[in-house]
Amino acid sequence: ELKQLDPAYGDDAQATRQLLDTFYQVGQQMADAYI
């Protein structure tokens, strides 16, 4: 929705999405390893 509101934020939104995906995936792996 951020990049839909203002396409000027498209690159920032994409870069943030990549960091978010990695953060979430590593977090799942960490929790699974603890358990």
Full PDB file with SEQRES, HELIX, SHEET, SSBOND, CRYST1, ORIGX, SCALE, CONECT and MASTER records, all heavy atoms in Angstrom:
SEQRES   1 A   35  GLU LEU LYS GLN LEU ASP PRO ALA TYR GLY ASP ASP ALA          
SEQRES   2 A   35  GLN ALA THR ARG GLN LEU LEU ASP THR PHE TYR GLN VAL          
SEQRES   3 A   35  GLY GLN GLN MET ALA ASP ALA TYR ILE                          
HELIX    1 AA1 LEU A    2  LEU A    5  1                                   4    
HELIX    2 AA2 PRO A    7  TYR A    9  5                                   3    
HELIX    3 AA3 GLY A   10  TYR A   34  1                                  25    
CRYST1    1.000    1.000    1.000  90.00  90.00  90.00 P 1           1          
ORIGX1      1.000000  0.000000  0.000000        0.00000                         
ORIGX2      0.000000  1.000000  0.000000        0.00000                         
ORIGX3      0.000000  0.000000  1.000000        0.00000                         
SCALE1      1.000000  0.000000  0.000000        0.00000                         
SCALE2      0.000000  1.000000  0.000000        0.00000                         
SCALE3      0.000000  0.000000  1.000000        0.00000                         
ATOM      1  N   GLU A   1       0.817  -1.204   0.000  1.00  0.00           N  
ATOM      2  CA  GLU A   1       0.000   0.000   0.000  1.00  0.00           C  
ATOM      3  C   GLU A   1       0.856   1.261   0.000  1.00  0.00           C  
ATOM      4  O   GLU A   1       0.468   2.289  -0.579  1.00  0.00           O  
ATOM      5  CB  GLU A   1      -0.936  -0.004   1.215  1.00  0.00           C  
ATOM      6  CG  GLU A   1      -2.011  -1.079   1.146  1.00  0.00           C  
ATOM      7  CD  GLU A   1      -2.912  -1.093   2.376  1.00  0.00           C  
ATOM      8  OE1 GLU A   1      -2.644  -0.310   3.313  1.00  0.00           O  
ATOM      9  OE2 GLU A   1      -3.866  -1.895   2.389  1.00  0.00           O  
ATOM     10  N   LEU A   2       2.022   1.172   0.612  1.00  0.00           N  
ATOM     11  CA  LEU A   2       2.936   2.313   0.665  1.00  0.00           C  
ATOM     12  C   LEU A   2       3.352   2.733  -0.747  1.00  0.00           C  
ATOM     13  O   LEU A   2       3.270   3.919  -1.105  1.00  0.00           O  
ATOM     14  CB  LEU A   2       4.165   1.943   1.494  1.00  0.00           C  
ATOM     15  CG  LEU A   2       5.138   3.066   1.827  1.00  0.00           C  
ATOM     16  CD1 LEU A   2       4.579   3.953   2.935  1.00  0.00           C  
ATOM     17  CD2 LEU A   2       6.484   2.498   2.273  1.00  0.00           C  
ATOM     18  N   LYS A   3       3.767   1.775  -1.547  1.00  0.00           N  
ATOM     19  CA  LYS A   3       4.213   2.126  -2.901  1.00  0.00           C  
ATOM     20  C   LYS A   3       3.040   2.415  -3.829  1.00  0.00           C  
ATOM     21  O   LYS A   3       3.220   3.091  -4.847  1.00  0.00           O  
ATOM     22  CB  LYS A   3       5.105   1.019  -3.475  1.00  0.00           C  
ATOM     23  CG  LYS A   3       4.472  -0.336  -3.607  1.00  0.00           C  
ATOM     24  CD  LYS A   3       5.515  -1.352  -4.073  1.00  0.00           C  
ATOM     25  CE  LYS A   3       4.935  -2.750  -4.194  1.00  0.00           C  
ATOM     26  NZ  LYS A   3       5.966  -3.743  -4.596  1.00  0.00           N  
ATOM     27  N   GLN A   4       1.852   1.922  -3.487  1.00  0.00           N  
ATOM     28  CA  GLN A   4       0.675   2.285  -4.270  1.00  0.00           C  
ATOM     29  C   GLN A   4       0.271   3.736  -4.011  1.00  0.00           C  
ATOM     30  O   GLN A   4      -0.139   4.448  -4.938  1.00  0.00           O  
ATOM     31  CB  GLN A   4      -0.487   1.350  -3.934  1.00  0.00           C  
ATOM     32  CG  GLN A   4      -0.325  -0.063  -4.482  1.00  0.00           C  
ATOM     33  CD  GLN A   4      -1.399  -1.014  -3.985  1.00  0.00           C  
ATOM     34  OE1 GLN A   4      -2.330  -0.614  -3.294  1.00  0.00           O  
ATOM     35  NE2 GLN A   4      -1.275  -2.286  -4.343  1.00  0.00           N  
ATOM     36  N   LEU A   5       0.417   4.163  -2.779  1.00  0.00           N  
ATOM     37  CA  LEU A   5       0.089   5.551  -2.446  1.00  0.00           C  
ATOM     38  C   LEU A   5       1.022   6.523  -3.157  1.00  0.00           C  
ATOM     39  O   LEU A   5       0.581   7.557  -3.664  1.00  0.00           O  
ATOM     40  CB  LEU A   5       0.180   5.759  -0.929  1.00  0.00           C  
ATOM     41  CG  LEU A   5      -1.021   5.335  -0.095  1.00  0.00           C  
ATOM     42  CD1 LEU A   5      -0.669   5.383   1.390  1.00  0.00           C  
ATOM     43  CD2 LEU A   5      -2.220   6.229  -0.376  1.00  0.00           C  
ATOM     44  N   ASP A   6       2.308   6.197  -3.189  1.00  0.00           N  
ATOM     45  CA  ASP A   6       3.290   7.058  -3.844  1.00  0.00           C  
ATOM     46  C   ASP A   6       4.359   6.171  -4.484  1.00  0.00           C  
ATOM     47  O   ASP A   6       5.220   5.631  -3.790  1.00  0.00           O  
ATOM     48  CB  ASP A   6       3.930   8.017  -2.830  1.00  0.00           C  
ATOM     49  CG  ASP A   6       4.756   9.092  -3.506  1.00  0.00           C  
ATOM     50  OD1 ASP A   6       5.129   8.896  -4.681  1.00  0.00           O  
ATOM     51  OD2 ASP A   6       5.029  10.132  -2.863  1.00  0.00           O  
ATOM     52  N   PRO A   7       4.312   6.010  -5.819  1.00  0.00           N  
ATOM     53  CA  PRO A   7       5.278   5.147  -6.508  1.00  0.00           C  
ATOM     54  C   PRO A   7       6.730   5.554  -6.287  1.00  0.00           C  
ATOM     55  O   PRO A   7       7.635   4.749  -6.524  1.00  0.00           O  
ATOM     56  CB  PRO A   7       4.888   5.310  -7.987  1.00  0.00           C  
ATOM     57  CG  PRO A   7       3.430   5.683  -7.958  1.00  0.00           C  
ATOM     58  CD  PRO A   7       3.278   6.538  -6.733  1.00  0.00           C  
ATOM     59  N   ALA A   8       6.967   6.788  -5.829  1.00  0.00           N  
ATOM     60  CA  ALA A   8       8.337   7.231  -5.558  1.00  0.00           C  
ATOM     61  C   ALA A   8       8.995   6.390  -4.468  1.00  0.00           C  
ATOM     62  O   ALA A   8      10.225   6.350  -4.361  1.00  0.00           O  
ATOM     63  CB  ALA A   8       8.350   8.710  -5.155  1.00  0.00           C  
ATOM     64  N   TYR A   9       8.174   5.709  -3.667  1.00  0.00           N  
ATOM     65  CA  TYR A   9       8.695   4.870  -2.594  1.00  0.00           C  
ATOM     66  C   TYR A   9       8.833   3.416  -3.018  1.00  0.00           C  
ATOM     67  O   TYR A   9       9.063   2.545  -2.176  1.00  0.00           O  
ATOM     68  CB  TYR A   9       7.785   4.959  -1.364  1.00  0.00           C  
ATOM     69  CG  TYR A   9       7.839   6.291  -0.671  1.00  0.00           C  
ATOM     70  CD1 TYR A   9       6.935   7.295  -0.990  1.00  0.00           C  
ATOM     71  CD2 TYR A   9       8.795   6.566   0.305  1.00  0.00           C  
ATOM     72  CE1 TYR A   9       6.977   8.539  -0.365  1.00  0.00           C  
ATOM     73  CE2 TYR A   9       8.844   7.794   0.939  1.00  0.00           C  
ATOM     74  CZ  TYR A   9       7.935   8.772   0.594  1.00  0.00           C  
ATOM     75  OH  TYR A   9       7.989   9.991   1.204  1.00  0.00           O  
ATOM     76  N   GLY A  10       8.694   3.156  -4.312  1.00  0.00           N  
ATOM     77  CA  GLY A  10       8.739   1.780  -4.796  1.00  0.00           C  
ATOM     78  C   GLY A  10      10.041   1.065  -4.469  1.00  0.00           C  
ATOM     79  O   GLY A  10      10.043  -0.076  -3.996  1.00  0.00           O  
ATOM     80  N   ASP A  11      11.167   1.722  -4.728  1.00  0.00           N  
ATOM     81  CA  ASP A  11      12.467   1.096  -4.469  1.00  0.00           C  
ATOM     82  C   ASP A  11      12.681   0.855  -2.972  1.00  0.00           C  
ATOM     83  O   ASP A  11      13.183  -0.202  -2.563  1.00  0.00           O  
ATOM     84  CB  ASP A  11      13.595   1.979  -5.017  1.00  0.00           C  
ATOM     85  CG  ASP A  11      13.610   2.002  -6.540  1.00  0.00           C  
ATOM     86  OD1 ASP A  11      13.005   1.104  -7.154  1.00  0.00           O  
ATOM     87  OD2 ASP A  11      14.213   2.930  -7.110  1.00  0.00           O  
ATOM     88  N   ASP A  12      12.310   1.845  -2.163  1.00  0.00           N  
ATOM     89  CA  ASP A  12      12.455   1.682  -0.710  1.00  0.00           C  
ATOM     90  C   ASP A  12      11.579   0.547  -0.198  1.00  0.00           C  
ATOM     91  O   ASP A  12      11.988  -0.222   0.678  1.00  0.00           O  
ATOM     92  CB  ASP A  12      12.072   2.985   0.008  1.00  0.00           C  
ATOM     93  CG  ASP A  12      13.233   3.971   0.038  1.00  0.00           C  
ATOM     94  OD1 ASP A  12      14.387   3.530   0.096  1.00  0.00           O  
ATOM     95  OD2 ASP A  12      12.981   5.179  -0.006  1.00  0.00           O  
ATOM     96  N   ALA A  13      10.365   0.464  -0.736  1.00  0.00           N  
ATOM     97  CA  ALA A  13       9.449  -0.595  -0.304  1.00  0.00           C  
ATOM     98  C   ALA A  13       9.999  -1.969  -0.676  1.00  0.00           C  
ATOM     99  O   ALA A  13       9.912  -2.921   0.111  1.00  0.00           O  
ATOM    100  CB  ALA A  13       8.066  -0.380  -0.925  1.00  0.00           C  
ATOM    101  N   GLN A  14      10.584  -2.067  -1.876  1.00  0.00           N  
ATOM    102  CA  GLN A  14      11.140  -3.345  -2.319  1.00  0.00           C  
ATOM    103  C   GLN A  14      12.337  -3.748  -1.455  1.00  0.00           C  
ATOM    104  O   GLN A  14      12.467  -4.912  -1.053  1.00  0.00           O  
ATOM    105  CB  GLN A  14      11.567  -3.238  -3.788  1.00  0.00           C  
ATOM    106  CG  GLN A  14      12.119  -4.530  -4.370  1.00  0.00           C  
ATOM    107  CD  GLN A  14      11.095  -5.659  -4.374  1.00  0.00           C  
ATOM    108  OE1 GLN A  14       9.897  -5.425  -4.522  1.00  0.00           O  
ATOM    109  NE2 GLN A  14      11.563  -6.886  -4.180  1.00  0.00           N  
ATOM    110  N   ALA A  15      13.212  -2.778  -1.156  1.00  0.00           N  
ATOM    111  CA  ALA A  15      14.378  -3.077  -0.316  1.00  0.00           C  
ATOM    112  C   ALA A  15      13.939  -3.472   1.091  1.00  0.00           C  
ATOM    113  O   ALA A  15      14.516  -4.394   1.694  1.00  0.00           O  
ATOM    114  CB  ALA A  15      15.302  -1.854  -0.264  1.00  0.00           C  
ATOM    115  N   THR A  16      12.921  -2.798   1.607  1.00  0.00           N  
ATOM    116  CA  THR A  16      12.408  -3.133   2.942  1.00  0.00           C  
ATOM    117  C   THR A  16      11.775  -4.519   2.938  1.00  0.00           C  
ATOM    118  O   THR A  16      11.924  -5.285   3.901  1.00  0.00           O  
ATOM    119  CB  THR A  16      11.379  -2.088   3.399  1.00  0.00           C  
ATOM    120  OG1 THR A  16      11.972  -0.784   3.349  1.00  0.00           O  
ATOM    121  CG2 THR A  16      10.917  -2.362   4.821  1.00  0.00           C  
ATOM    122  N   ARG A  17      11.092  -4.857   1.852  1.00  0.00           N  
ATOM    123  CA  ARG A  17      10.462  -6.181   1.743  1.00  0.00           C  
ATOM    124  C   ARG A  17      11.521  -7.288   1.783  1.00  0.00           C  
ATOM    125  O   ARG A  17      11.327  -8.328   2.440  1.00  0.00           O  
ATOM    126  CB  ARG A  17       9.660  -6.250   0.439  1.00  0.00           C  
ATOM    127  CG  ARG A  17       9.124  -7.650   0.094  1.00  0.00           C  
ATOM    128  CD  ARG A  17       8.070  -8.122   1.082  1.00  0.00           C  
ATOM    129  NE  ARG A  17       7.691  -9.490   0.847  1.00  0.00           N  
ATOM    130  CZ  ARG A  17       6.742  -9.874  -0.036  1.00  0.00           C  
ATOM    131  NH1 ARG A  17       6.097  -8.962  -0.748  1.00  0.00           N  
ATOM    132  NH2 ARG A  17       6.428 -11.135  -0.173  1.00  0.00           N  
ATOM    133  N   GLN A  18      12.635  -7.074   1.128  1.00  0.00           N  
ATOM    134  CA  GLN A  18      13.702  -8.079   1.142  1.00  0.00           C  
ATOM    135  C   GLN A  18      14.258  -8.277   2.553  1.00  0.00           C  
ATOM    136  O   GLN A  18      14.488  -9.416   2.992  1.00  0.00           O  
ATOM    137  CB  GLN A  18      14.809  -7.654   0.177  1.00  0.00           C  
ATOM    138  CG  GLN A  18      14.399  -7.696  -1.287  1.00  0.00           C  
ATOM    139  CD  GLN A  18      15.472  -7.145  -2.220  1.00  0.00           C  
ATOM    140  OE1 GLN A  18      16.498  -6.641  -1.774  1.00  0.00           O  
ATOM    141  NE2 GLN A  18      15.230  -7.245  -3.515  1.00  0.00           N  
ATOM    142  N   LEU A  19      14.472  -7.176   3.256  1.00  0.00           N  
ATOM    143  CA  LEU A  19      14.953  -7.268   4.637  1.00  0.00           C  
ATOM    144  C   LEU A  19      13.909  -7.937   5.535  1.00  0.00           C  
ATOM    145  O   LEU A  19      14.257  -8.725   6.421  1.00  0.00           O  
ATOM    146  CB  LEU A  19      15.284  -5.873   5.167  1.00  0.00           C  
ATOM    147  CG  LEU A  19      16.506  -5.186   4.550  1.00  0.00           C  
ATOM    148  CD1 LEU A  19      16.604  -3.747   5.042  1.00  0.00           C  
ATOM    149  CD2 LEU A  19      17.778  -5.953   4.879  1.00  0.00           C  
ATOM    150  N   LEU A  20      12.649  -7.604   5.296  1.00  0.00           N  
ATOM    151  CA  LEU A  20      11.566  -8.191   6.081  1.00  0.00           C  
ATOM    152  C   LEU A  20      11.492  -9.702   5.871  1.00  0.00           C  
ATOM    153  O   LEU A  20      11.349 -10.473   6.835  1.00  0.00           O  
ATOM    154  CB  LEU A  20      10.231  -7.542   5.697  1.00  0.00           C  
ATOM    155  CG  LEU A  20       8.969  -8.138   6.313  1.00  0.00           C  
ATOM    156  CD1 LEU A  20       8.948  -7.934   7.829  1.00  0.00           C  
ATOM    157  CD2 LEU A  20       7.717  -7.529   5.670  1.00  0.00           C  
ATOM    158  N   ASP A  21      11.591 -10.124   4.611  1.00  0.00           N  
ATOM    159  CA  ASP A  21      11.522 -11.559   4.307  1.00  0.00           C  
ATOM    160  C   ASP A  21      12.653 -12.326   4.991  1.00  0.00           C  
ATOM    161  O   ASP A  21      12.429 -13.392   5.589  1.00  0.00           O  
ATOM    162  CB  ASP A  21      11.606 -11.775   2.793  1.00  0.00           C  
ATOM    163  CG  ASP A  21      10.333 -11.343   2.072  1.00  0.00           C  
ATOM    164  OD1 ASP A  21       9.322 -11.070   2.760  1.00  0.00           O  
ATOM    165  OD2 ASP A  21      10.365 -11.248   0.826  1.00  0.00           O  
ATOM    166  N   THR A  22      13.854 -11.784   4.889  1.00  0.00           N  
ATOM    167  CA  THR A  22      15.001 -12.445   5.511  1.00  0.00           C  
ATOM    168  C   THR A  22      14.857 -12.485   7.027  1.00  0.00           C  
ATOM    169  O   THR A  22      15.131 -13.511   7.675  1.00  0.00           O  
ATOM    170  CB  THR A  22      16.305 -11.725   5.123  1.00  0.00           C  
ATOM    171  OG1 THR A  22      16.415 -11.674   3.699  1.00  0.00           O  
ATOM    172  CG2 THR A  22      17.517 -12.459   5.699  1.00  0.00           C  
ATOM    173  N   PHE A  23      14.441 -11.378   7.598  1.00  0.00           N  
ATOM    174  CA  PHE A  23      14.211 -11.285   9.038  1.00  0.00           C  
ATOM    175  C   PHE A  23      13.203 -12.338   9.506  1.00  0.00           C  
ATOM    176  O   PHE A  23      13.433 -13.054  10.499  1.00  0.00           O  
ATOM    177  CB  PHE A  23      13.714  -9.872   9.354  1.00  0.00           C  
ATOM    178  CG  PHE A  23      13.043  -9.705  10.683  1.00  0.00           C  
ATOM    179  CD1 PHE A  23      13.780  -9.639  11.866  1.00  0.00           C  
ATOM    180  CD2 PHE A  23      11.653  -9.579  10.760  1.00  0.00           C  
ATOM    181  CE1 PHE A  23      13.146  -9.467  13.087  1.00  0.00           C  
ATOM    182  CE2 PHE A  23      11.024  -9.408  11.976  1.00  0.00           C  
ATOM    183  CZ  PHE A  23      11.770  -9.357  13.142  1.00  0.00           C  
ATOM    184  N   TYR A  24      12.118 -12.467   8.781  1.00  0.00           N  
ATOM    185  CA  TYR A  24      11.065 -13.417   9.145  1.00  0.00           C  
ATOM    186  C   TYR A  24      11.548 -14.860   8.993  1.00  0.00           C  
ATOM    187  O   TYR A  24      11.313 -15.705   9.863  1.00  0.00           O  
ATOM    188  CB  TYR A  24       9.842 -13.154   8.276  1.00  0.00           C  
ATOM    189  CG  TYR A  24       8.696 -14.111   8.484  1.00  0.00           C  
ATOM    190  CD1 TYR A  24       8.127 -14.298   9.739  1.00  0.00           C  
ATOM    191  CD2 TYR A  24       8.171 -14.838   7.405  1.00  0.00           C  
ATOM    192  CE1 TYR A  24       7.065 -15.186   9.924  1.00  0.00           C  
ATOM    193  CE2 TYR A  24       7.113 -15.712   7.578  1.00  0.00           C  
ATOM    194  CZ  TYR A  24       6.573 -15.890   8.835  1.00  0.00           C  
ATOM    195  OH  TYR A  24       5.524 -16.759   9.025  1.00  0.00           O  
ATOM    196  N   GLN A  25      12.235 -15.144   7.904  1.00  0.00           N  
ATOM    197  CA  GLN A  25      12.708 -16.505   7.661  1.00  0.00           C  
ATOM    198  C   GLN A  25      13.735 -16.938   8.712  1.00  0.00           C  
ATOM    199  O   GLN A  25      13.668 -18.053   9.245  1.00  0.00           O  
ATOM    200  CB  GLN A  25      13.322 -16.590   6.258  1.00  0.00           C  
ATOM    201  CG  GLN A  25      12.296 -16.464   5.145  1.00  0.00           C  
ATOM    202  CD  GLN A  25      12.931 -16.209   3.781  1.00  0.00           C  
ATOM    203  OE1 GLN A  25      14.167 -16.211   3.655  1.00  0.00           O  
ATOM    204  NE2 GLN A  25      12.099 -15.980   2.775  1.00  0.00           N  
ATOM    205  N   VAL A  26      14.691 -16.047   9.000  1.00  0.00           N  
ATOM    206  CA  VAL A  26      15.703 -16.377  10.002  1.00  0.00           C  
ATOM    207  C   VAL A  26      15.064 -16.522  11.381  1.00  0.00           C  
ATOM    208  O   VAL A  26      15.452 -17.398  12.176  1.00  0.00           O  
ATOM    209  CB  VAL A  26      16.816 -15.303  10.020  1.00  0.00           C  
ATOM    210  CG1 VAL A  26      17.777 -15.535  11.187  1.00  0.00           C  
ATOM    211  CG2 VAL A  26      17.577 -15.304   8.699  1.00  0.00           C  
ATOM    212  N   GLY A  27      14.066 -15.694  11.665  1.00  0.00           N  
ATOM    213  CA  GLY A  27      13.362 -15.785  12.943  1.00  0.00           C  
ATOM    214  C   GLY A  27      12.649 -17.117  13.106  1.00  0.00           C  
ATOM    215  O   GLY A  27      12.675 -17.721  14.198  1.00  0.00           O  
ATOM    216  N   GLN A  28      12.050 -17.605  12.029  1.00  0.00           N  
ATOM    217  CA  GLN A  28      11.405 -18.917  12.077  1.00  0.00           C  
ATOM    218  C   GLN A  28      12.434 -20.032  12.307  1.00  0.00           C  
ATOM    219  O   GLN A  28      12.196 -20.940  13.106  1.00  0.00           O  
ATOM    220  CB  GLN A  28      10.652 -19.171  10.762  1.00  0.00           C  
ATOM    221  CG  GLN A  28       9.384 -18.349  10.582  1.00  0.00           C  
ATOM    222  CD  GLN A  28       8.721 -18.660   9.246  1.00  0.00           C  
ATOM    223  OE1 GLN A  28       9.308 -18.475   8.185  1.00  0.00           O  
ATOM    224  NE2 GLN A  28       7.518 -19.172   9.311  1.00  0.00           N  
ATOM    225  N   GLN A  29      13.536 -19.935  11.590  1.00  0.00           N  
ATOM    226  CA  GLN A  29      14.593 -20.946  11.751  1.00  0.00           C  
ATOM    227  C   GLN A  29      15.143 -20.948  13.176  1.00  0.00           C  
ATOM    228  O   GLN A  29      15.383 -22.010  13.760  1.00  0.00           O  
ATOM    229  CB  GLN A  29      15.712 -20.667  10.749  1.00  0.00           C  
ATOM    230  CG  GLN A  29      15.318 -20.863   9.300  1.00  0.00           C  
ATOM    231  CD  GLN A  29      16.353 -20.335   8.328  1.00  0.00           C  
ATOM    232  OE1 GLN A  29      17.424 -19.866   8.738  1.00  0.00           O  
ATOM    233  NE2 GLN A  29      16.051 -20.388   7.046  1.00  0.00           N  
ATOM    234  N   MET A  30      15.306 -19.753  13.728  1.00  0.00           N  
ATOM    235  CA  MET A  30      15.816 -19.642  15.096  1.00  0.00           C  
ATOM    236  C   MET A  30      14.849 -20.276  16.096  1.00  0.00           C  
ATOM    237  O   MET A  30      15.257 -21.087  16.956  1.00  0.00           O  
ATOM    238  CB  MET A  30      16.028 -18.168  15.448  1.00  0.00           C  
ATOM    239  CG  MET A  30      16.476 -17.929  16.884  1.00  0.00           C  
ATOM    240  SD  MET A  30      16.278 -16.184  17.369  1.00  0.00           S  
ATOM    241  CE  MET A  30      14.470 -16.048  17.449  1.00  0.00           C  
ATOM    242  N   ALA A  31      13.572 -19.912  15.979  1.00  0.00           N  
ATOM    243  CA  ALA A  31      12.586 -20.460  16.918  1.00  0.00           C  
ATOM    244  C   ALA A  31      12.482 -21.974  16.784  1.00  0.00           C  
ATOM    245  O   ALA A  31      12.376 -22.693  17.790  1.00  0.00           O  
ATOM    246  CB  ALA A  31      11.226 -19.798  16.664  1.00  0.00           C  
ATOM    247  N   ASP A  32      12.528 -22.444  15.556  1.00  0.00           N  
ATOM    248  CA  ASP A  32      12.458 -23.895  15.333  1.00  0.00           C  
ATOM    249  C   ASP A  32      13.681 -24.590  15.938  1.00  0.00           C  
ATOM    250  O   ASP A  32      13.564 -25.688  16.515  1.00  0.00           O  
ATOM    251  CB  ASP A  32      12.379 -24.172  13.831  1.00  0.00           C  
ATOM    252  CG  ASP A  32      12.099 -25.633  13.536  1.00  0.00           C  
ATOM    253  OD1 ASP A  32      10.982 -26.094  13.820  1.00  0.00           O  
ATOM    254  OD2 ASP A  32      13.013 -26.325  13.034  1.00  0.00           O  
ATOM    255  N   ALA A  33      14.836 -23.951  15.820  1.00  0.00           N  
ATOM    256  CA  ALA A  33      16.058 -24.538  16.393  1.00  0.00           C  
ATOM    257  C   ALA A  33      15.975 -24.582  17.911  1.00  0.00           C  
ATOM    258  O   ALA A  33      16.360 -25.587  18.537  1.00  0.00           O  
ATOM    259  CB  ALA A  33      17.275 -23.725  15.954  1.00  0.00           C  
ATOM    260  N   TYR A  34      15.467 -23.548  18.530  1.00  0.00           N  
ATOM    261  CA  TYR A  34      15.308 -23.547  19.987  1.00  0.00           C  
ATOM    262  C   TYR A  34      14.390 -24.687  20.423  1.00  0.00           C  
ATOM    263  O   TYR A  34      14.663 -25.383  21.411  1.00  0.00           O  
ATOM    264  CB  TYR A  34      14.716 -22.217  20.450  1.00  0.00           C  
ATOM    265  CG  TYR A  34      15.726 -21.151  20.783  1.00  0.00           C  
ATOM    266  CD1 TYR A  34      15.825 -20.006  20.008  1.00  0.00           C  
ATOM    267  CD2 TYR A  34      16.578 -21.277  21.882  1.00  0.00           C  
ATOM    268  CE1 TYR A  34      16.745 -19.008  20.299  1.00  0.00           C  
ATOM    269  CE2 TYR A  34      17.503 -20.286  22.185  1.00  0.00           C  
ATOM    270  CZ  TYR A  34      17.580 -19.152  21.389  1.00  0.00           C  
ATOM    271  OH  TYR A  34      18.503 -18.167  21.696  1.00  0.00           O  
ATOM    272  N   ILE A  35      13.295 -24.873  19.699  1.00  0.00           N  
ATOM    273  CA  ILE A  35      12.299 -25.863  20.096  1.00  0.00           C  
ATOM    274  C   ILE A  35      12.795 -27.285  19.845  1.00  0.00           C  
ATOM    275  O   ILE A  35      12.635 -28.172  20.691  1.00  0.00           O  
ATOM    276  CB  ILE A  35      10.968 -25.609  19.352  1.00  0.00           C  
ATOM    277  CG1 ILE A  35      10.348 -24.270  19.794  1.00  0.00           C  
ATOM    278  CG2 ILE A  35       9.981 -26.757  19.604  1.00  0.00           C  
ATOM    279  CD1 ILE A  35       9.153 -23.834  18.950  1.00  0.00           C  
TER     280      ILE A  35                                                      
MASTER        0    0    0    3    0    0    0    6  279    1    0    3          
END                                                                             
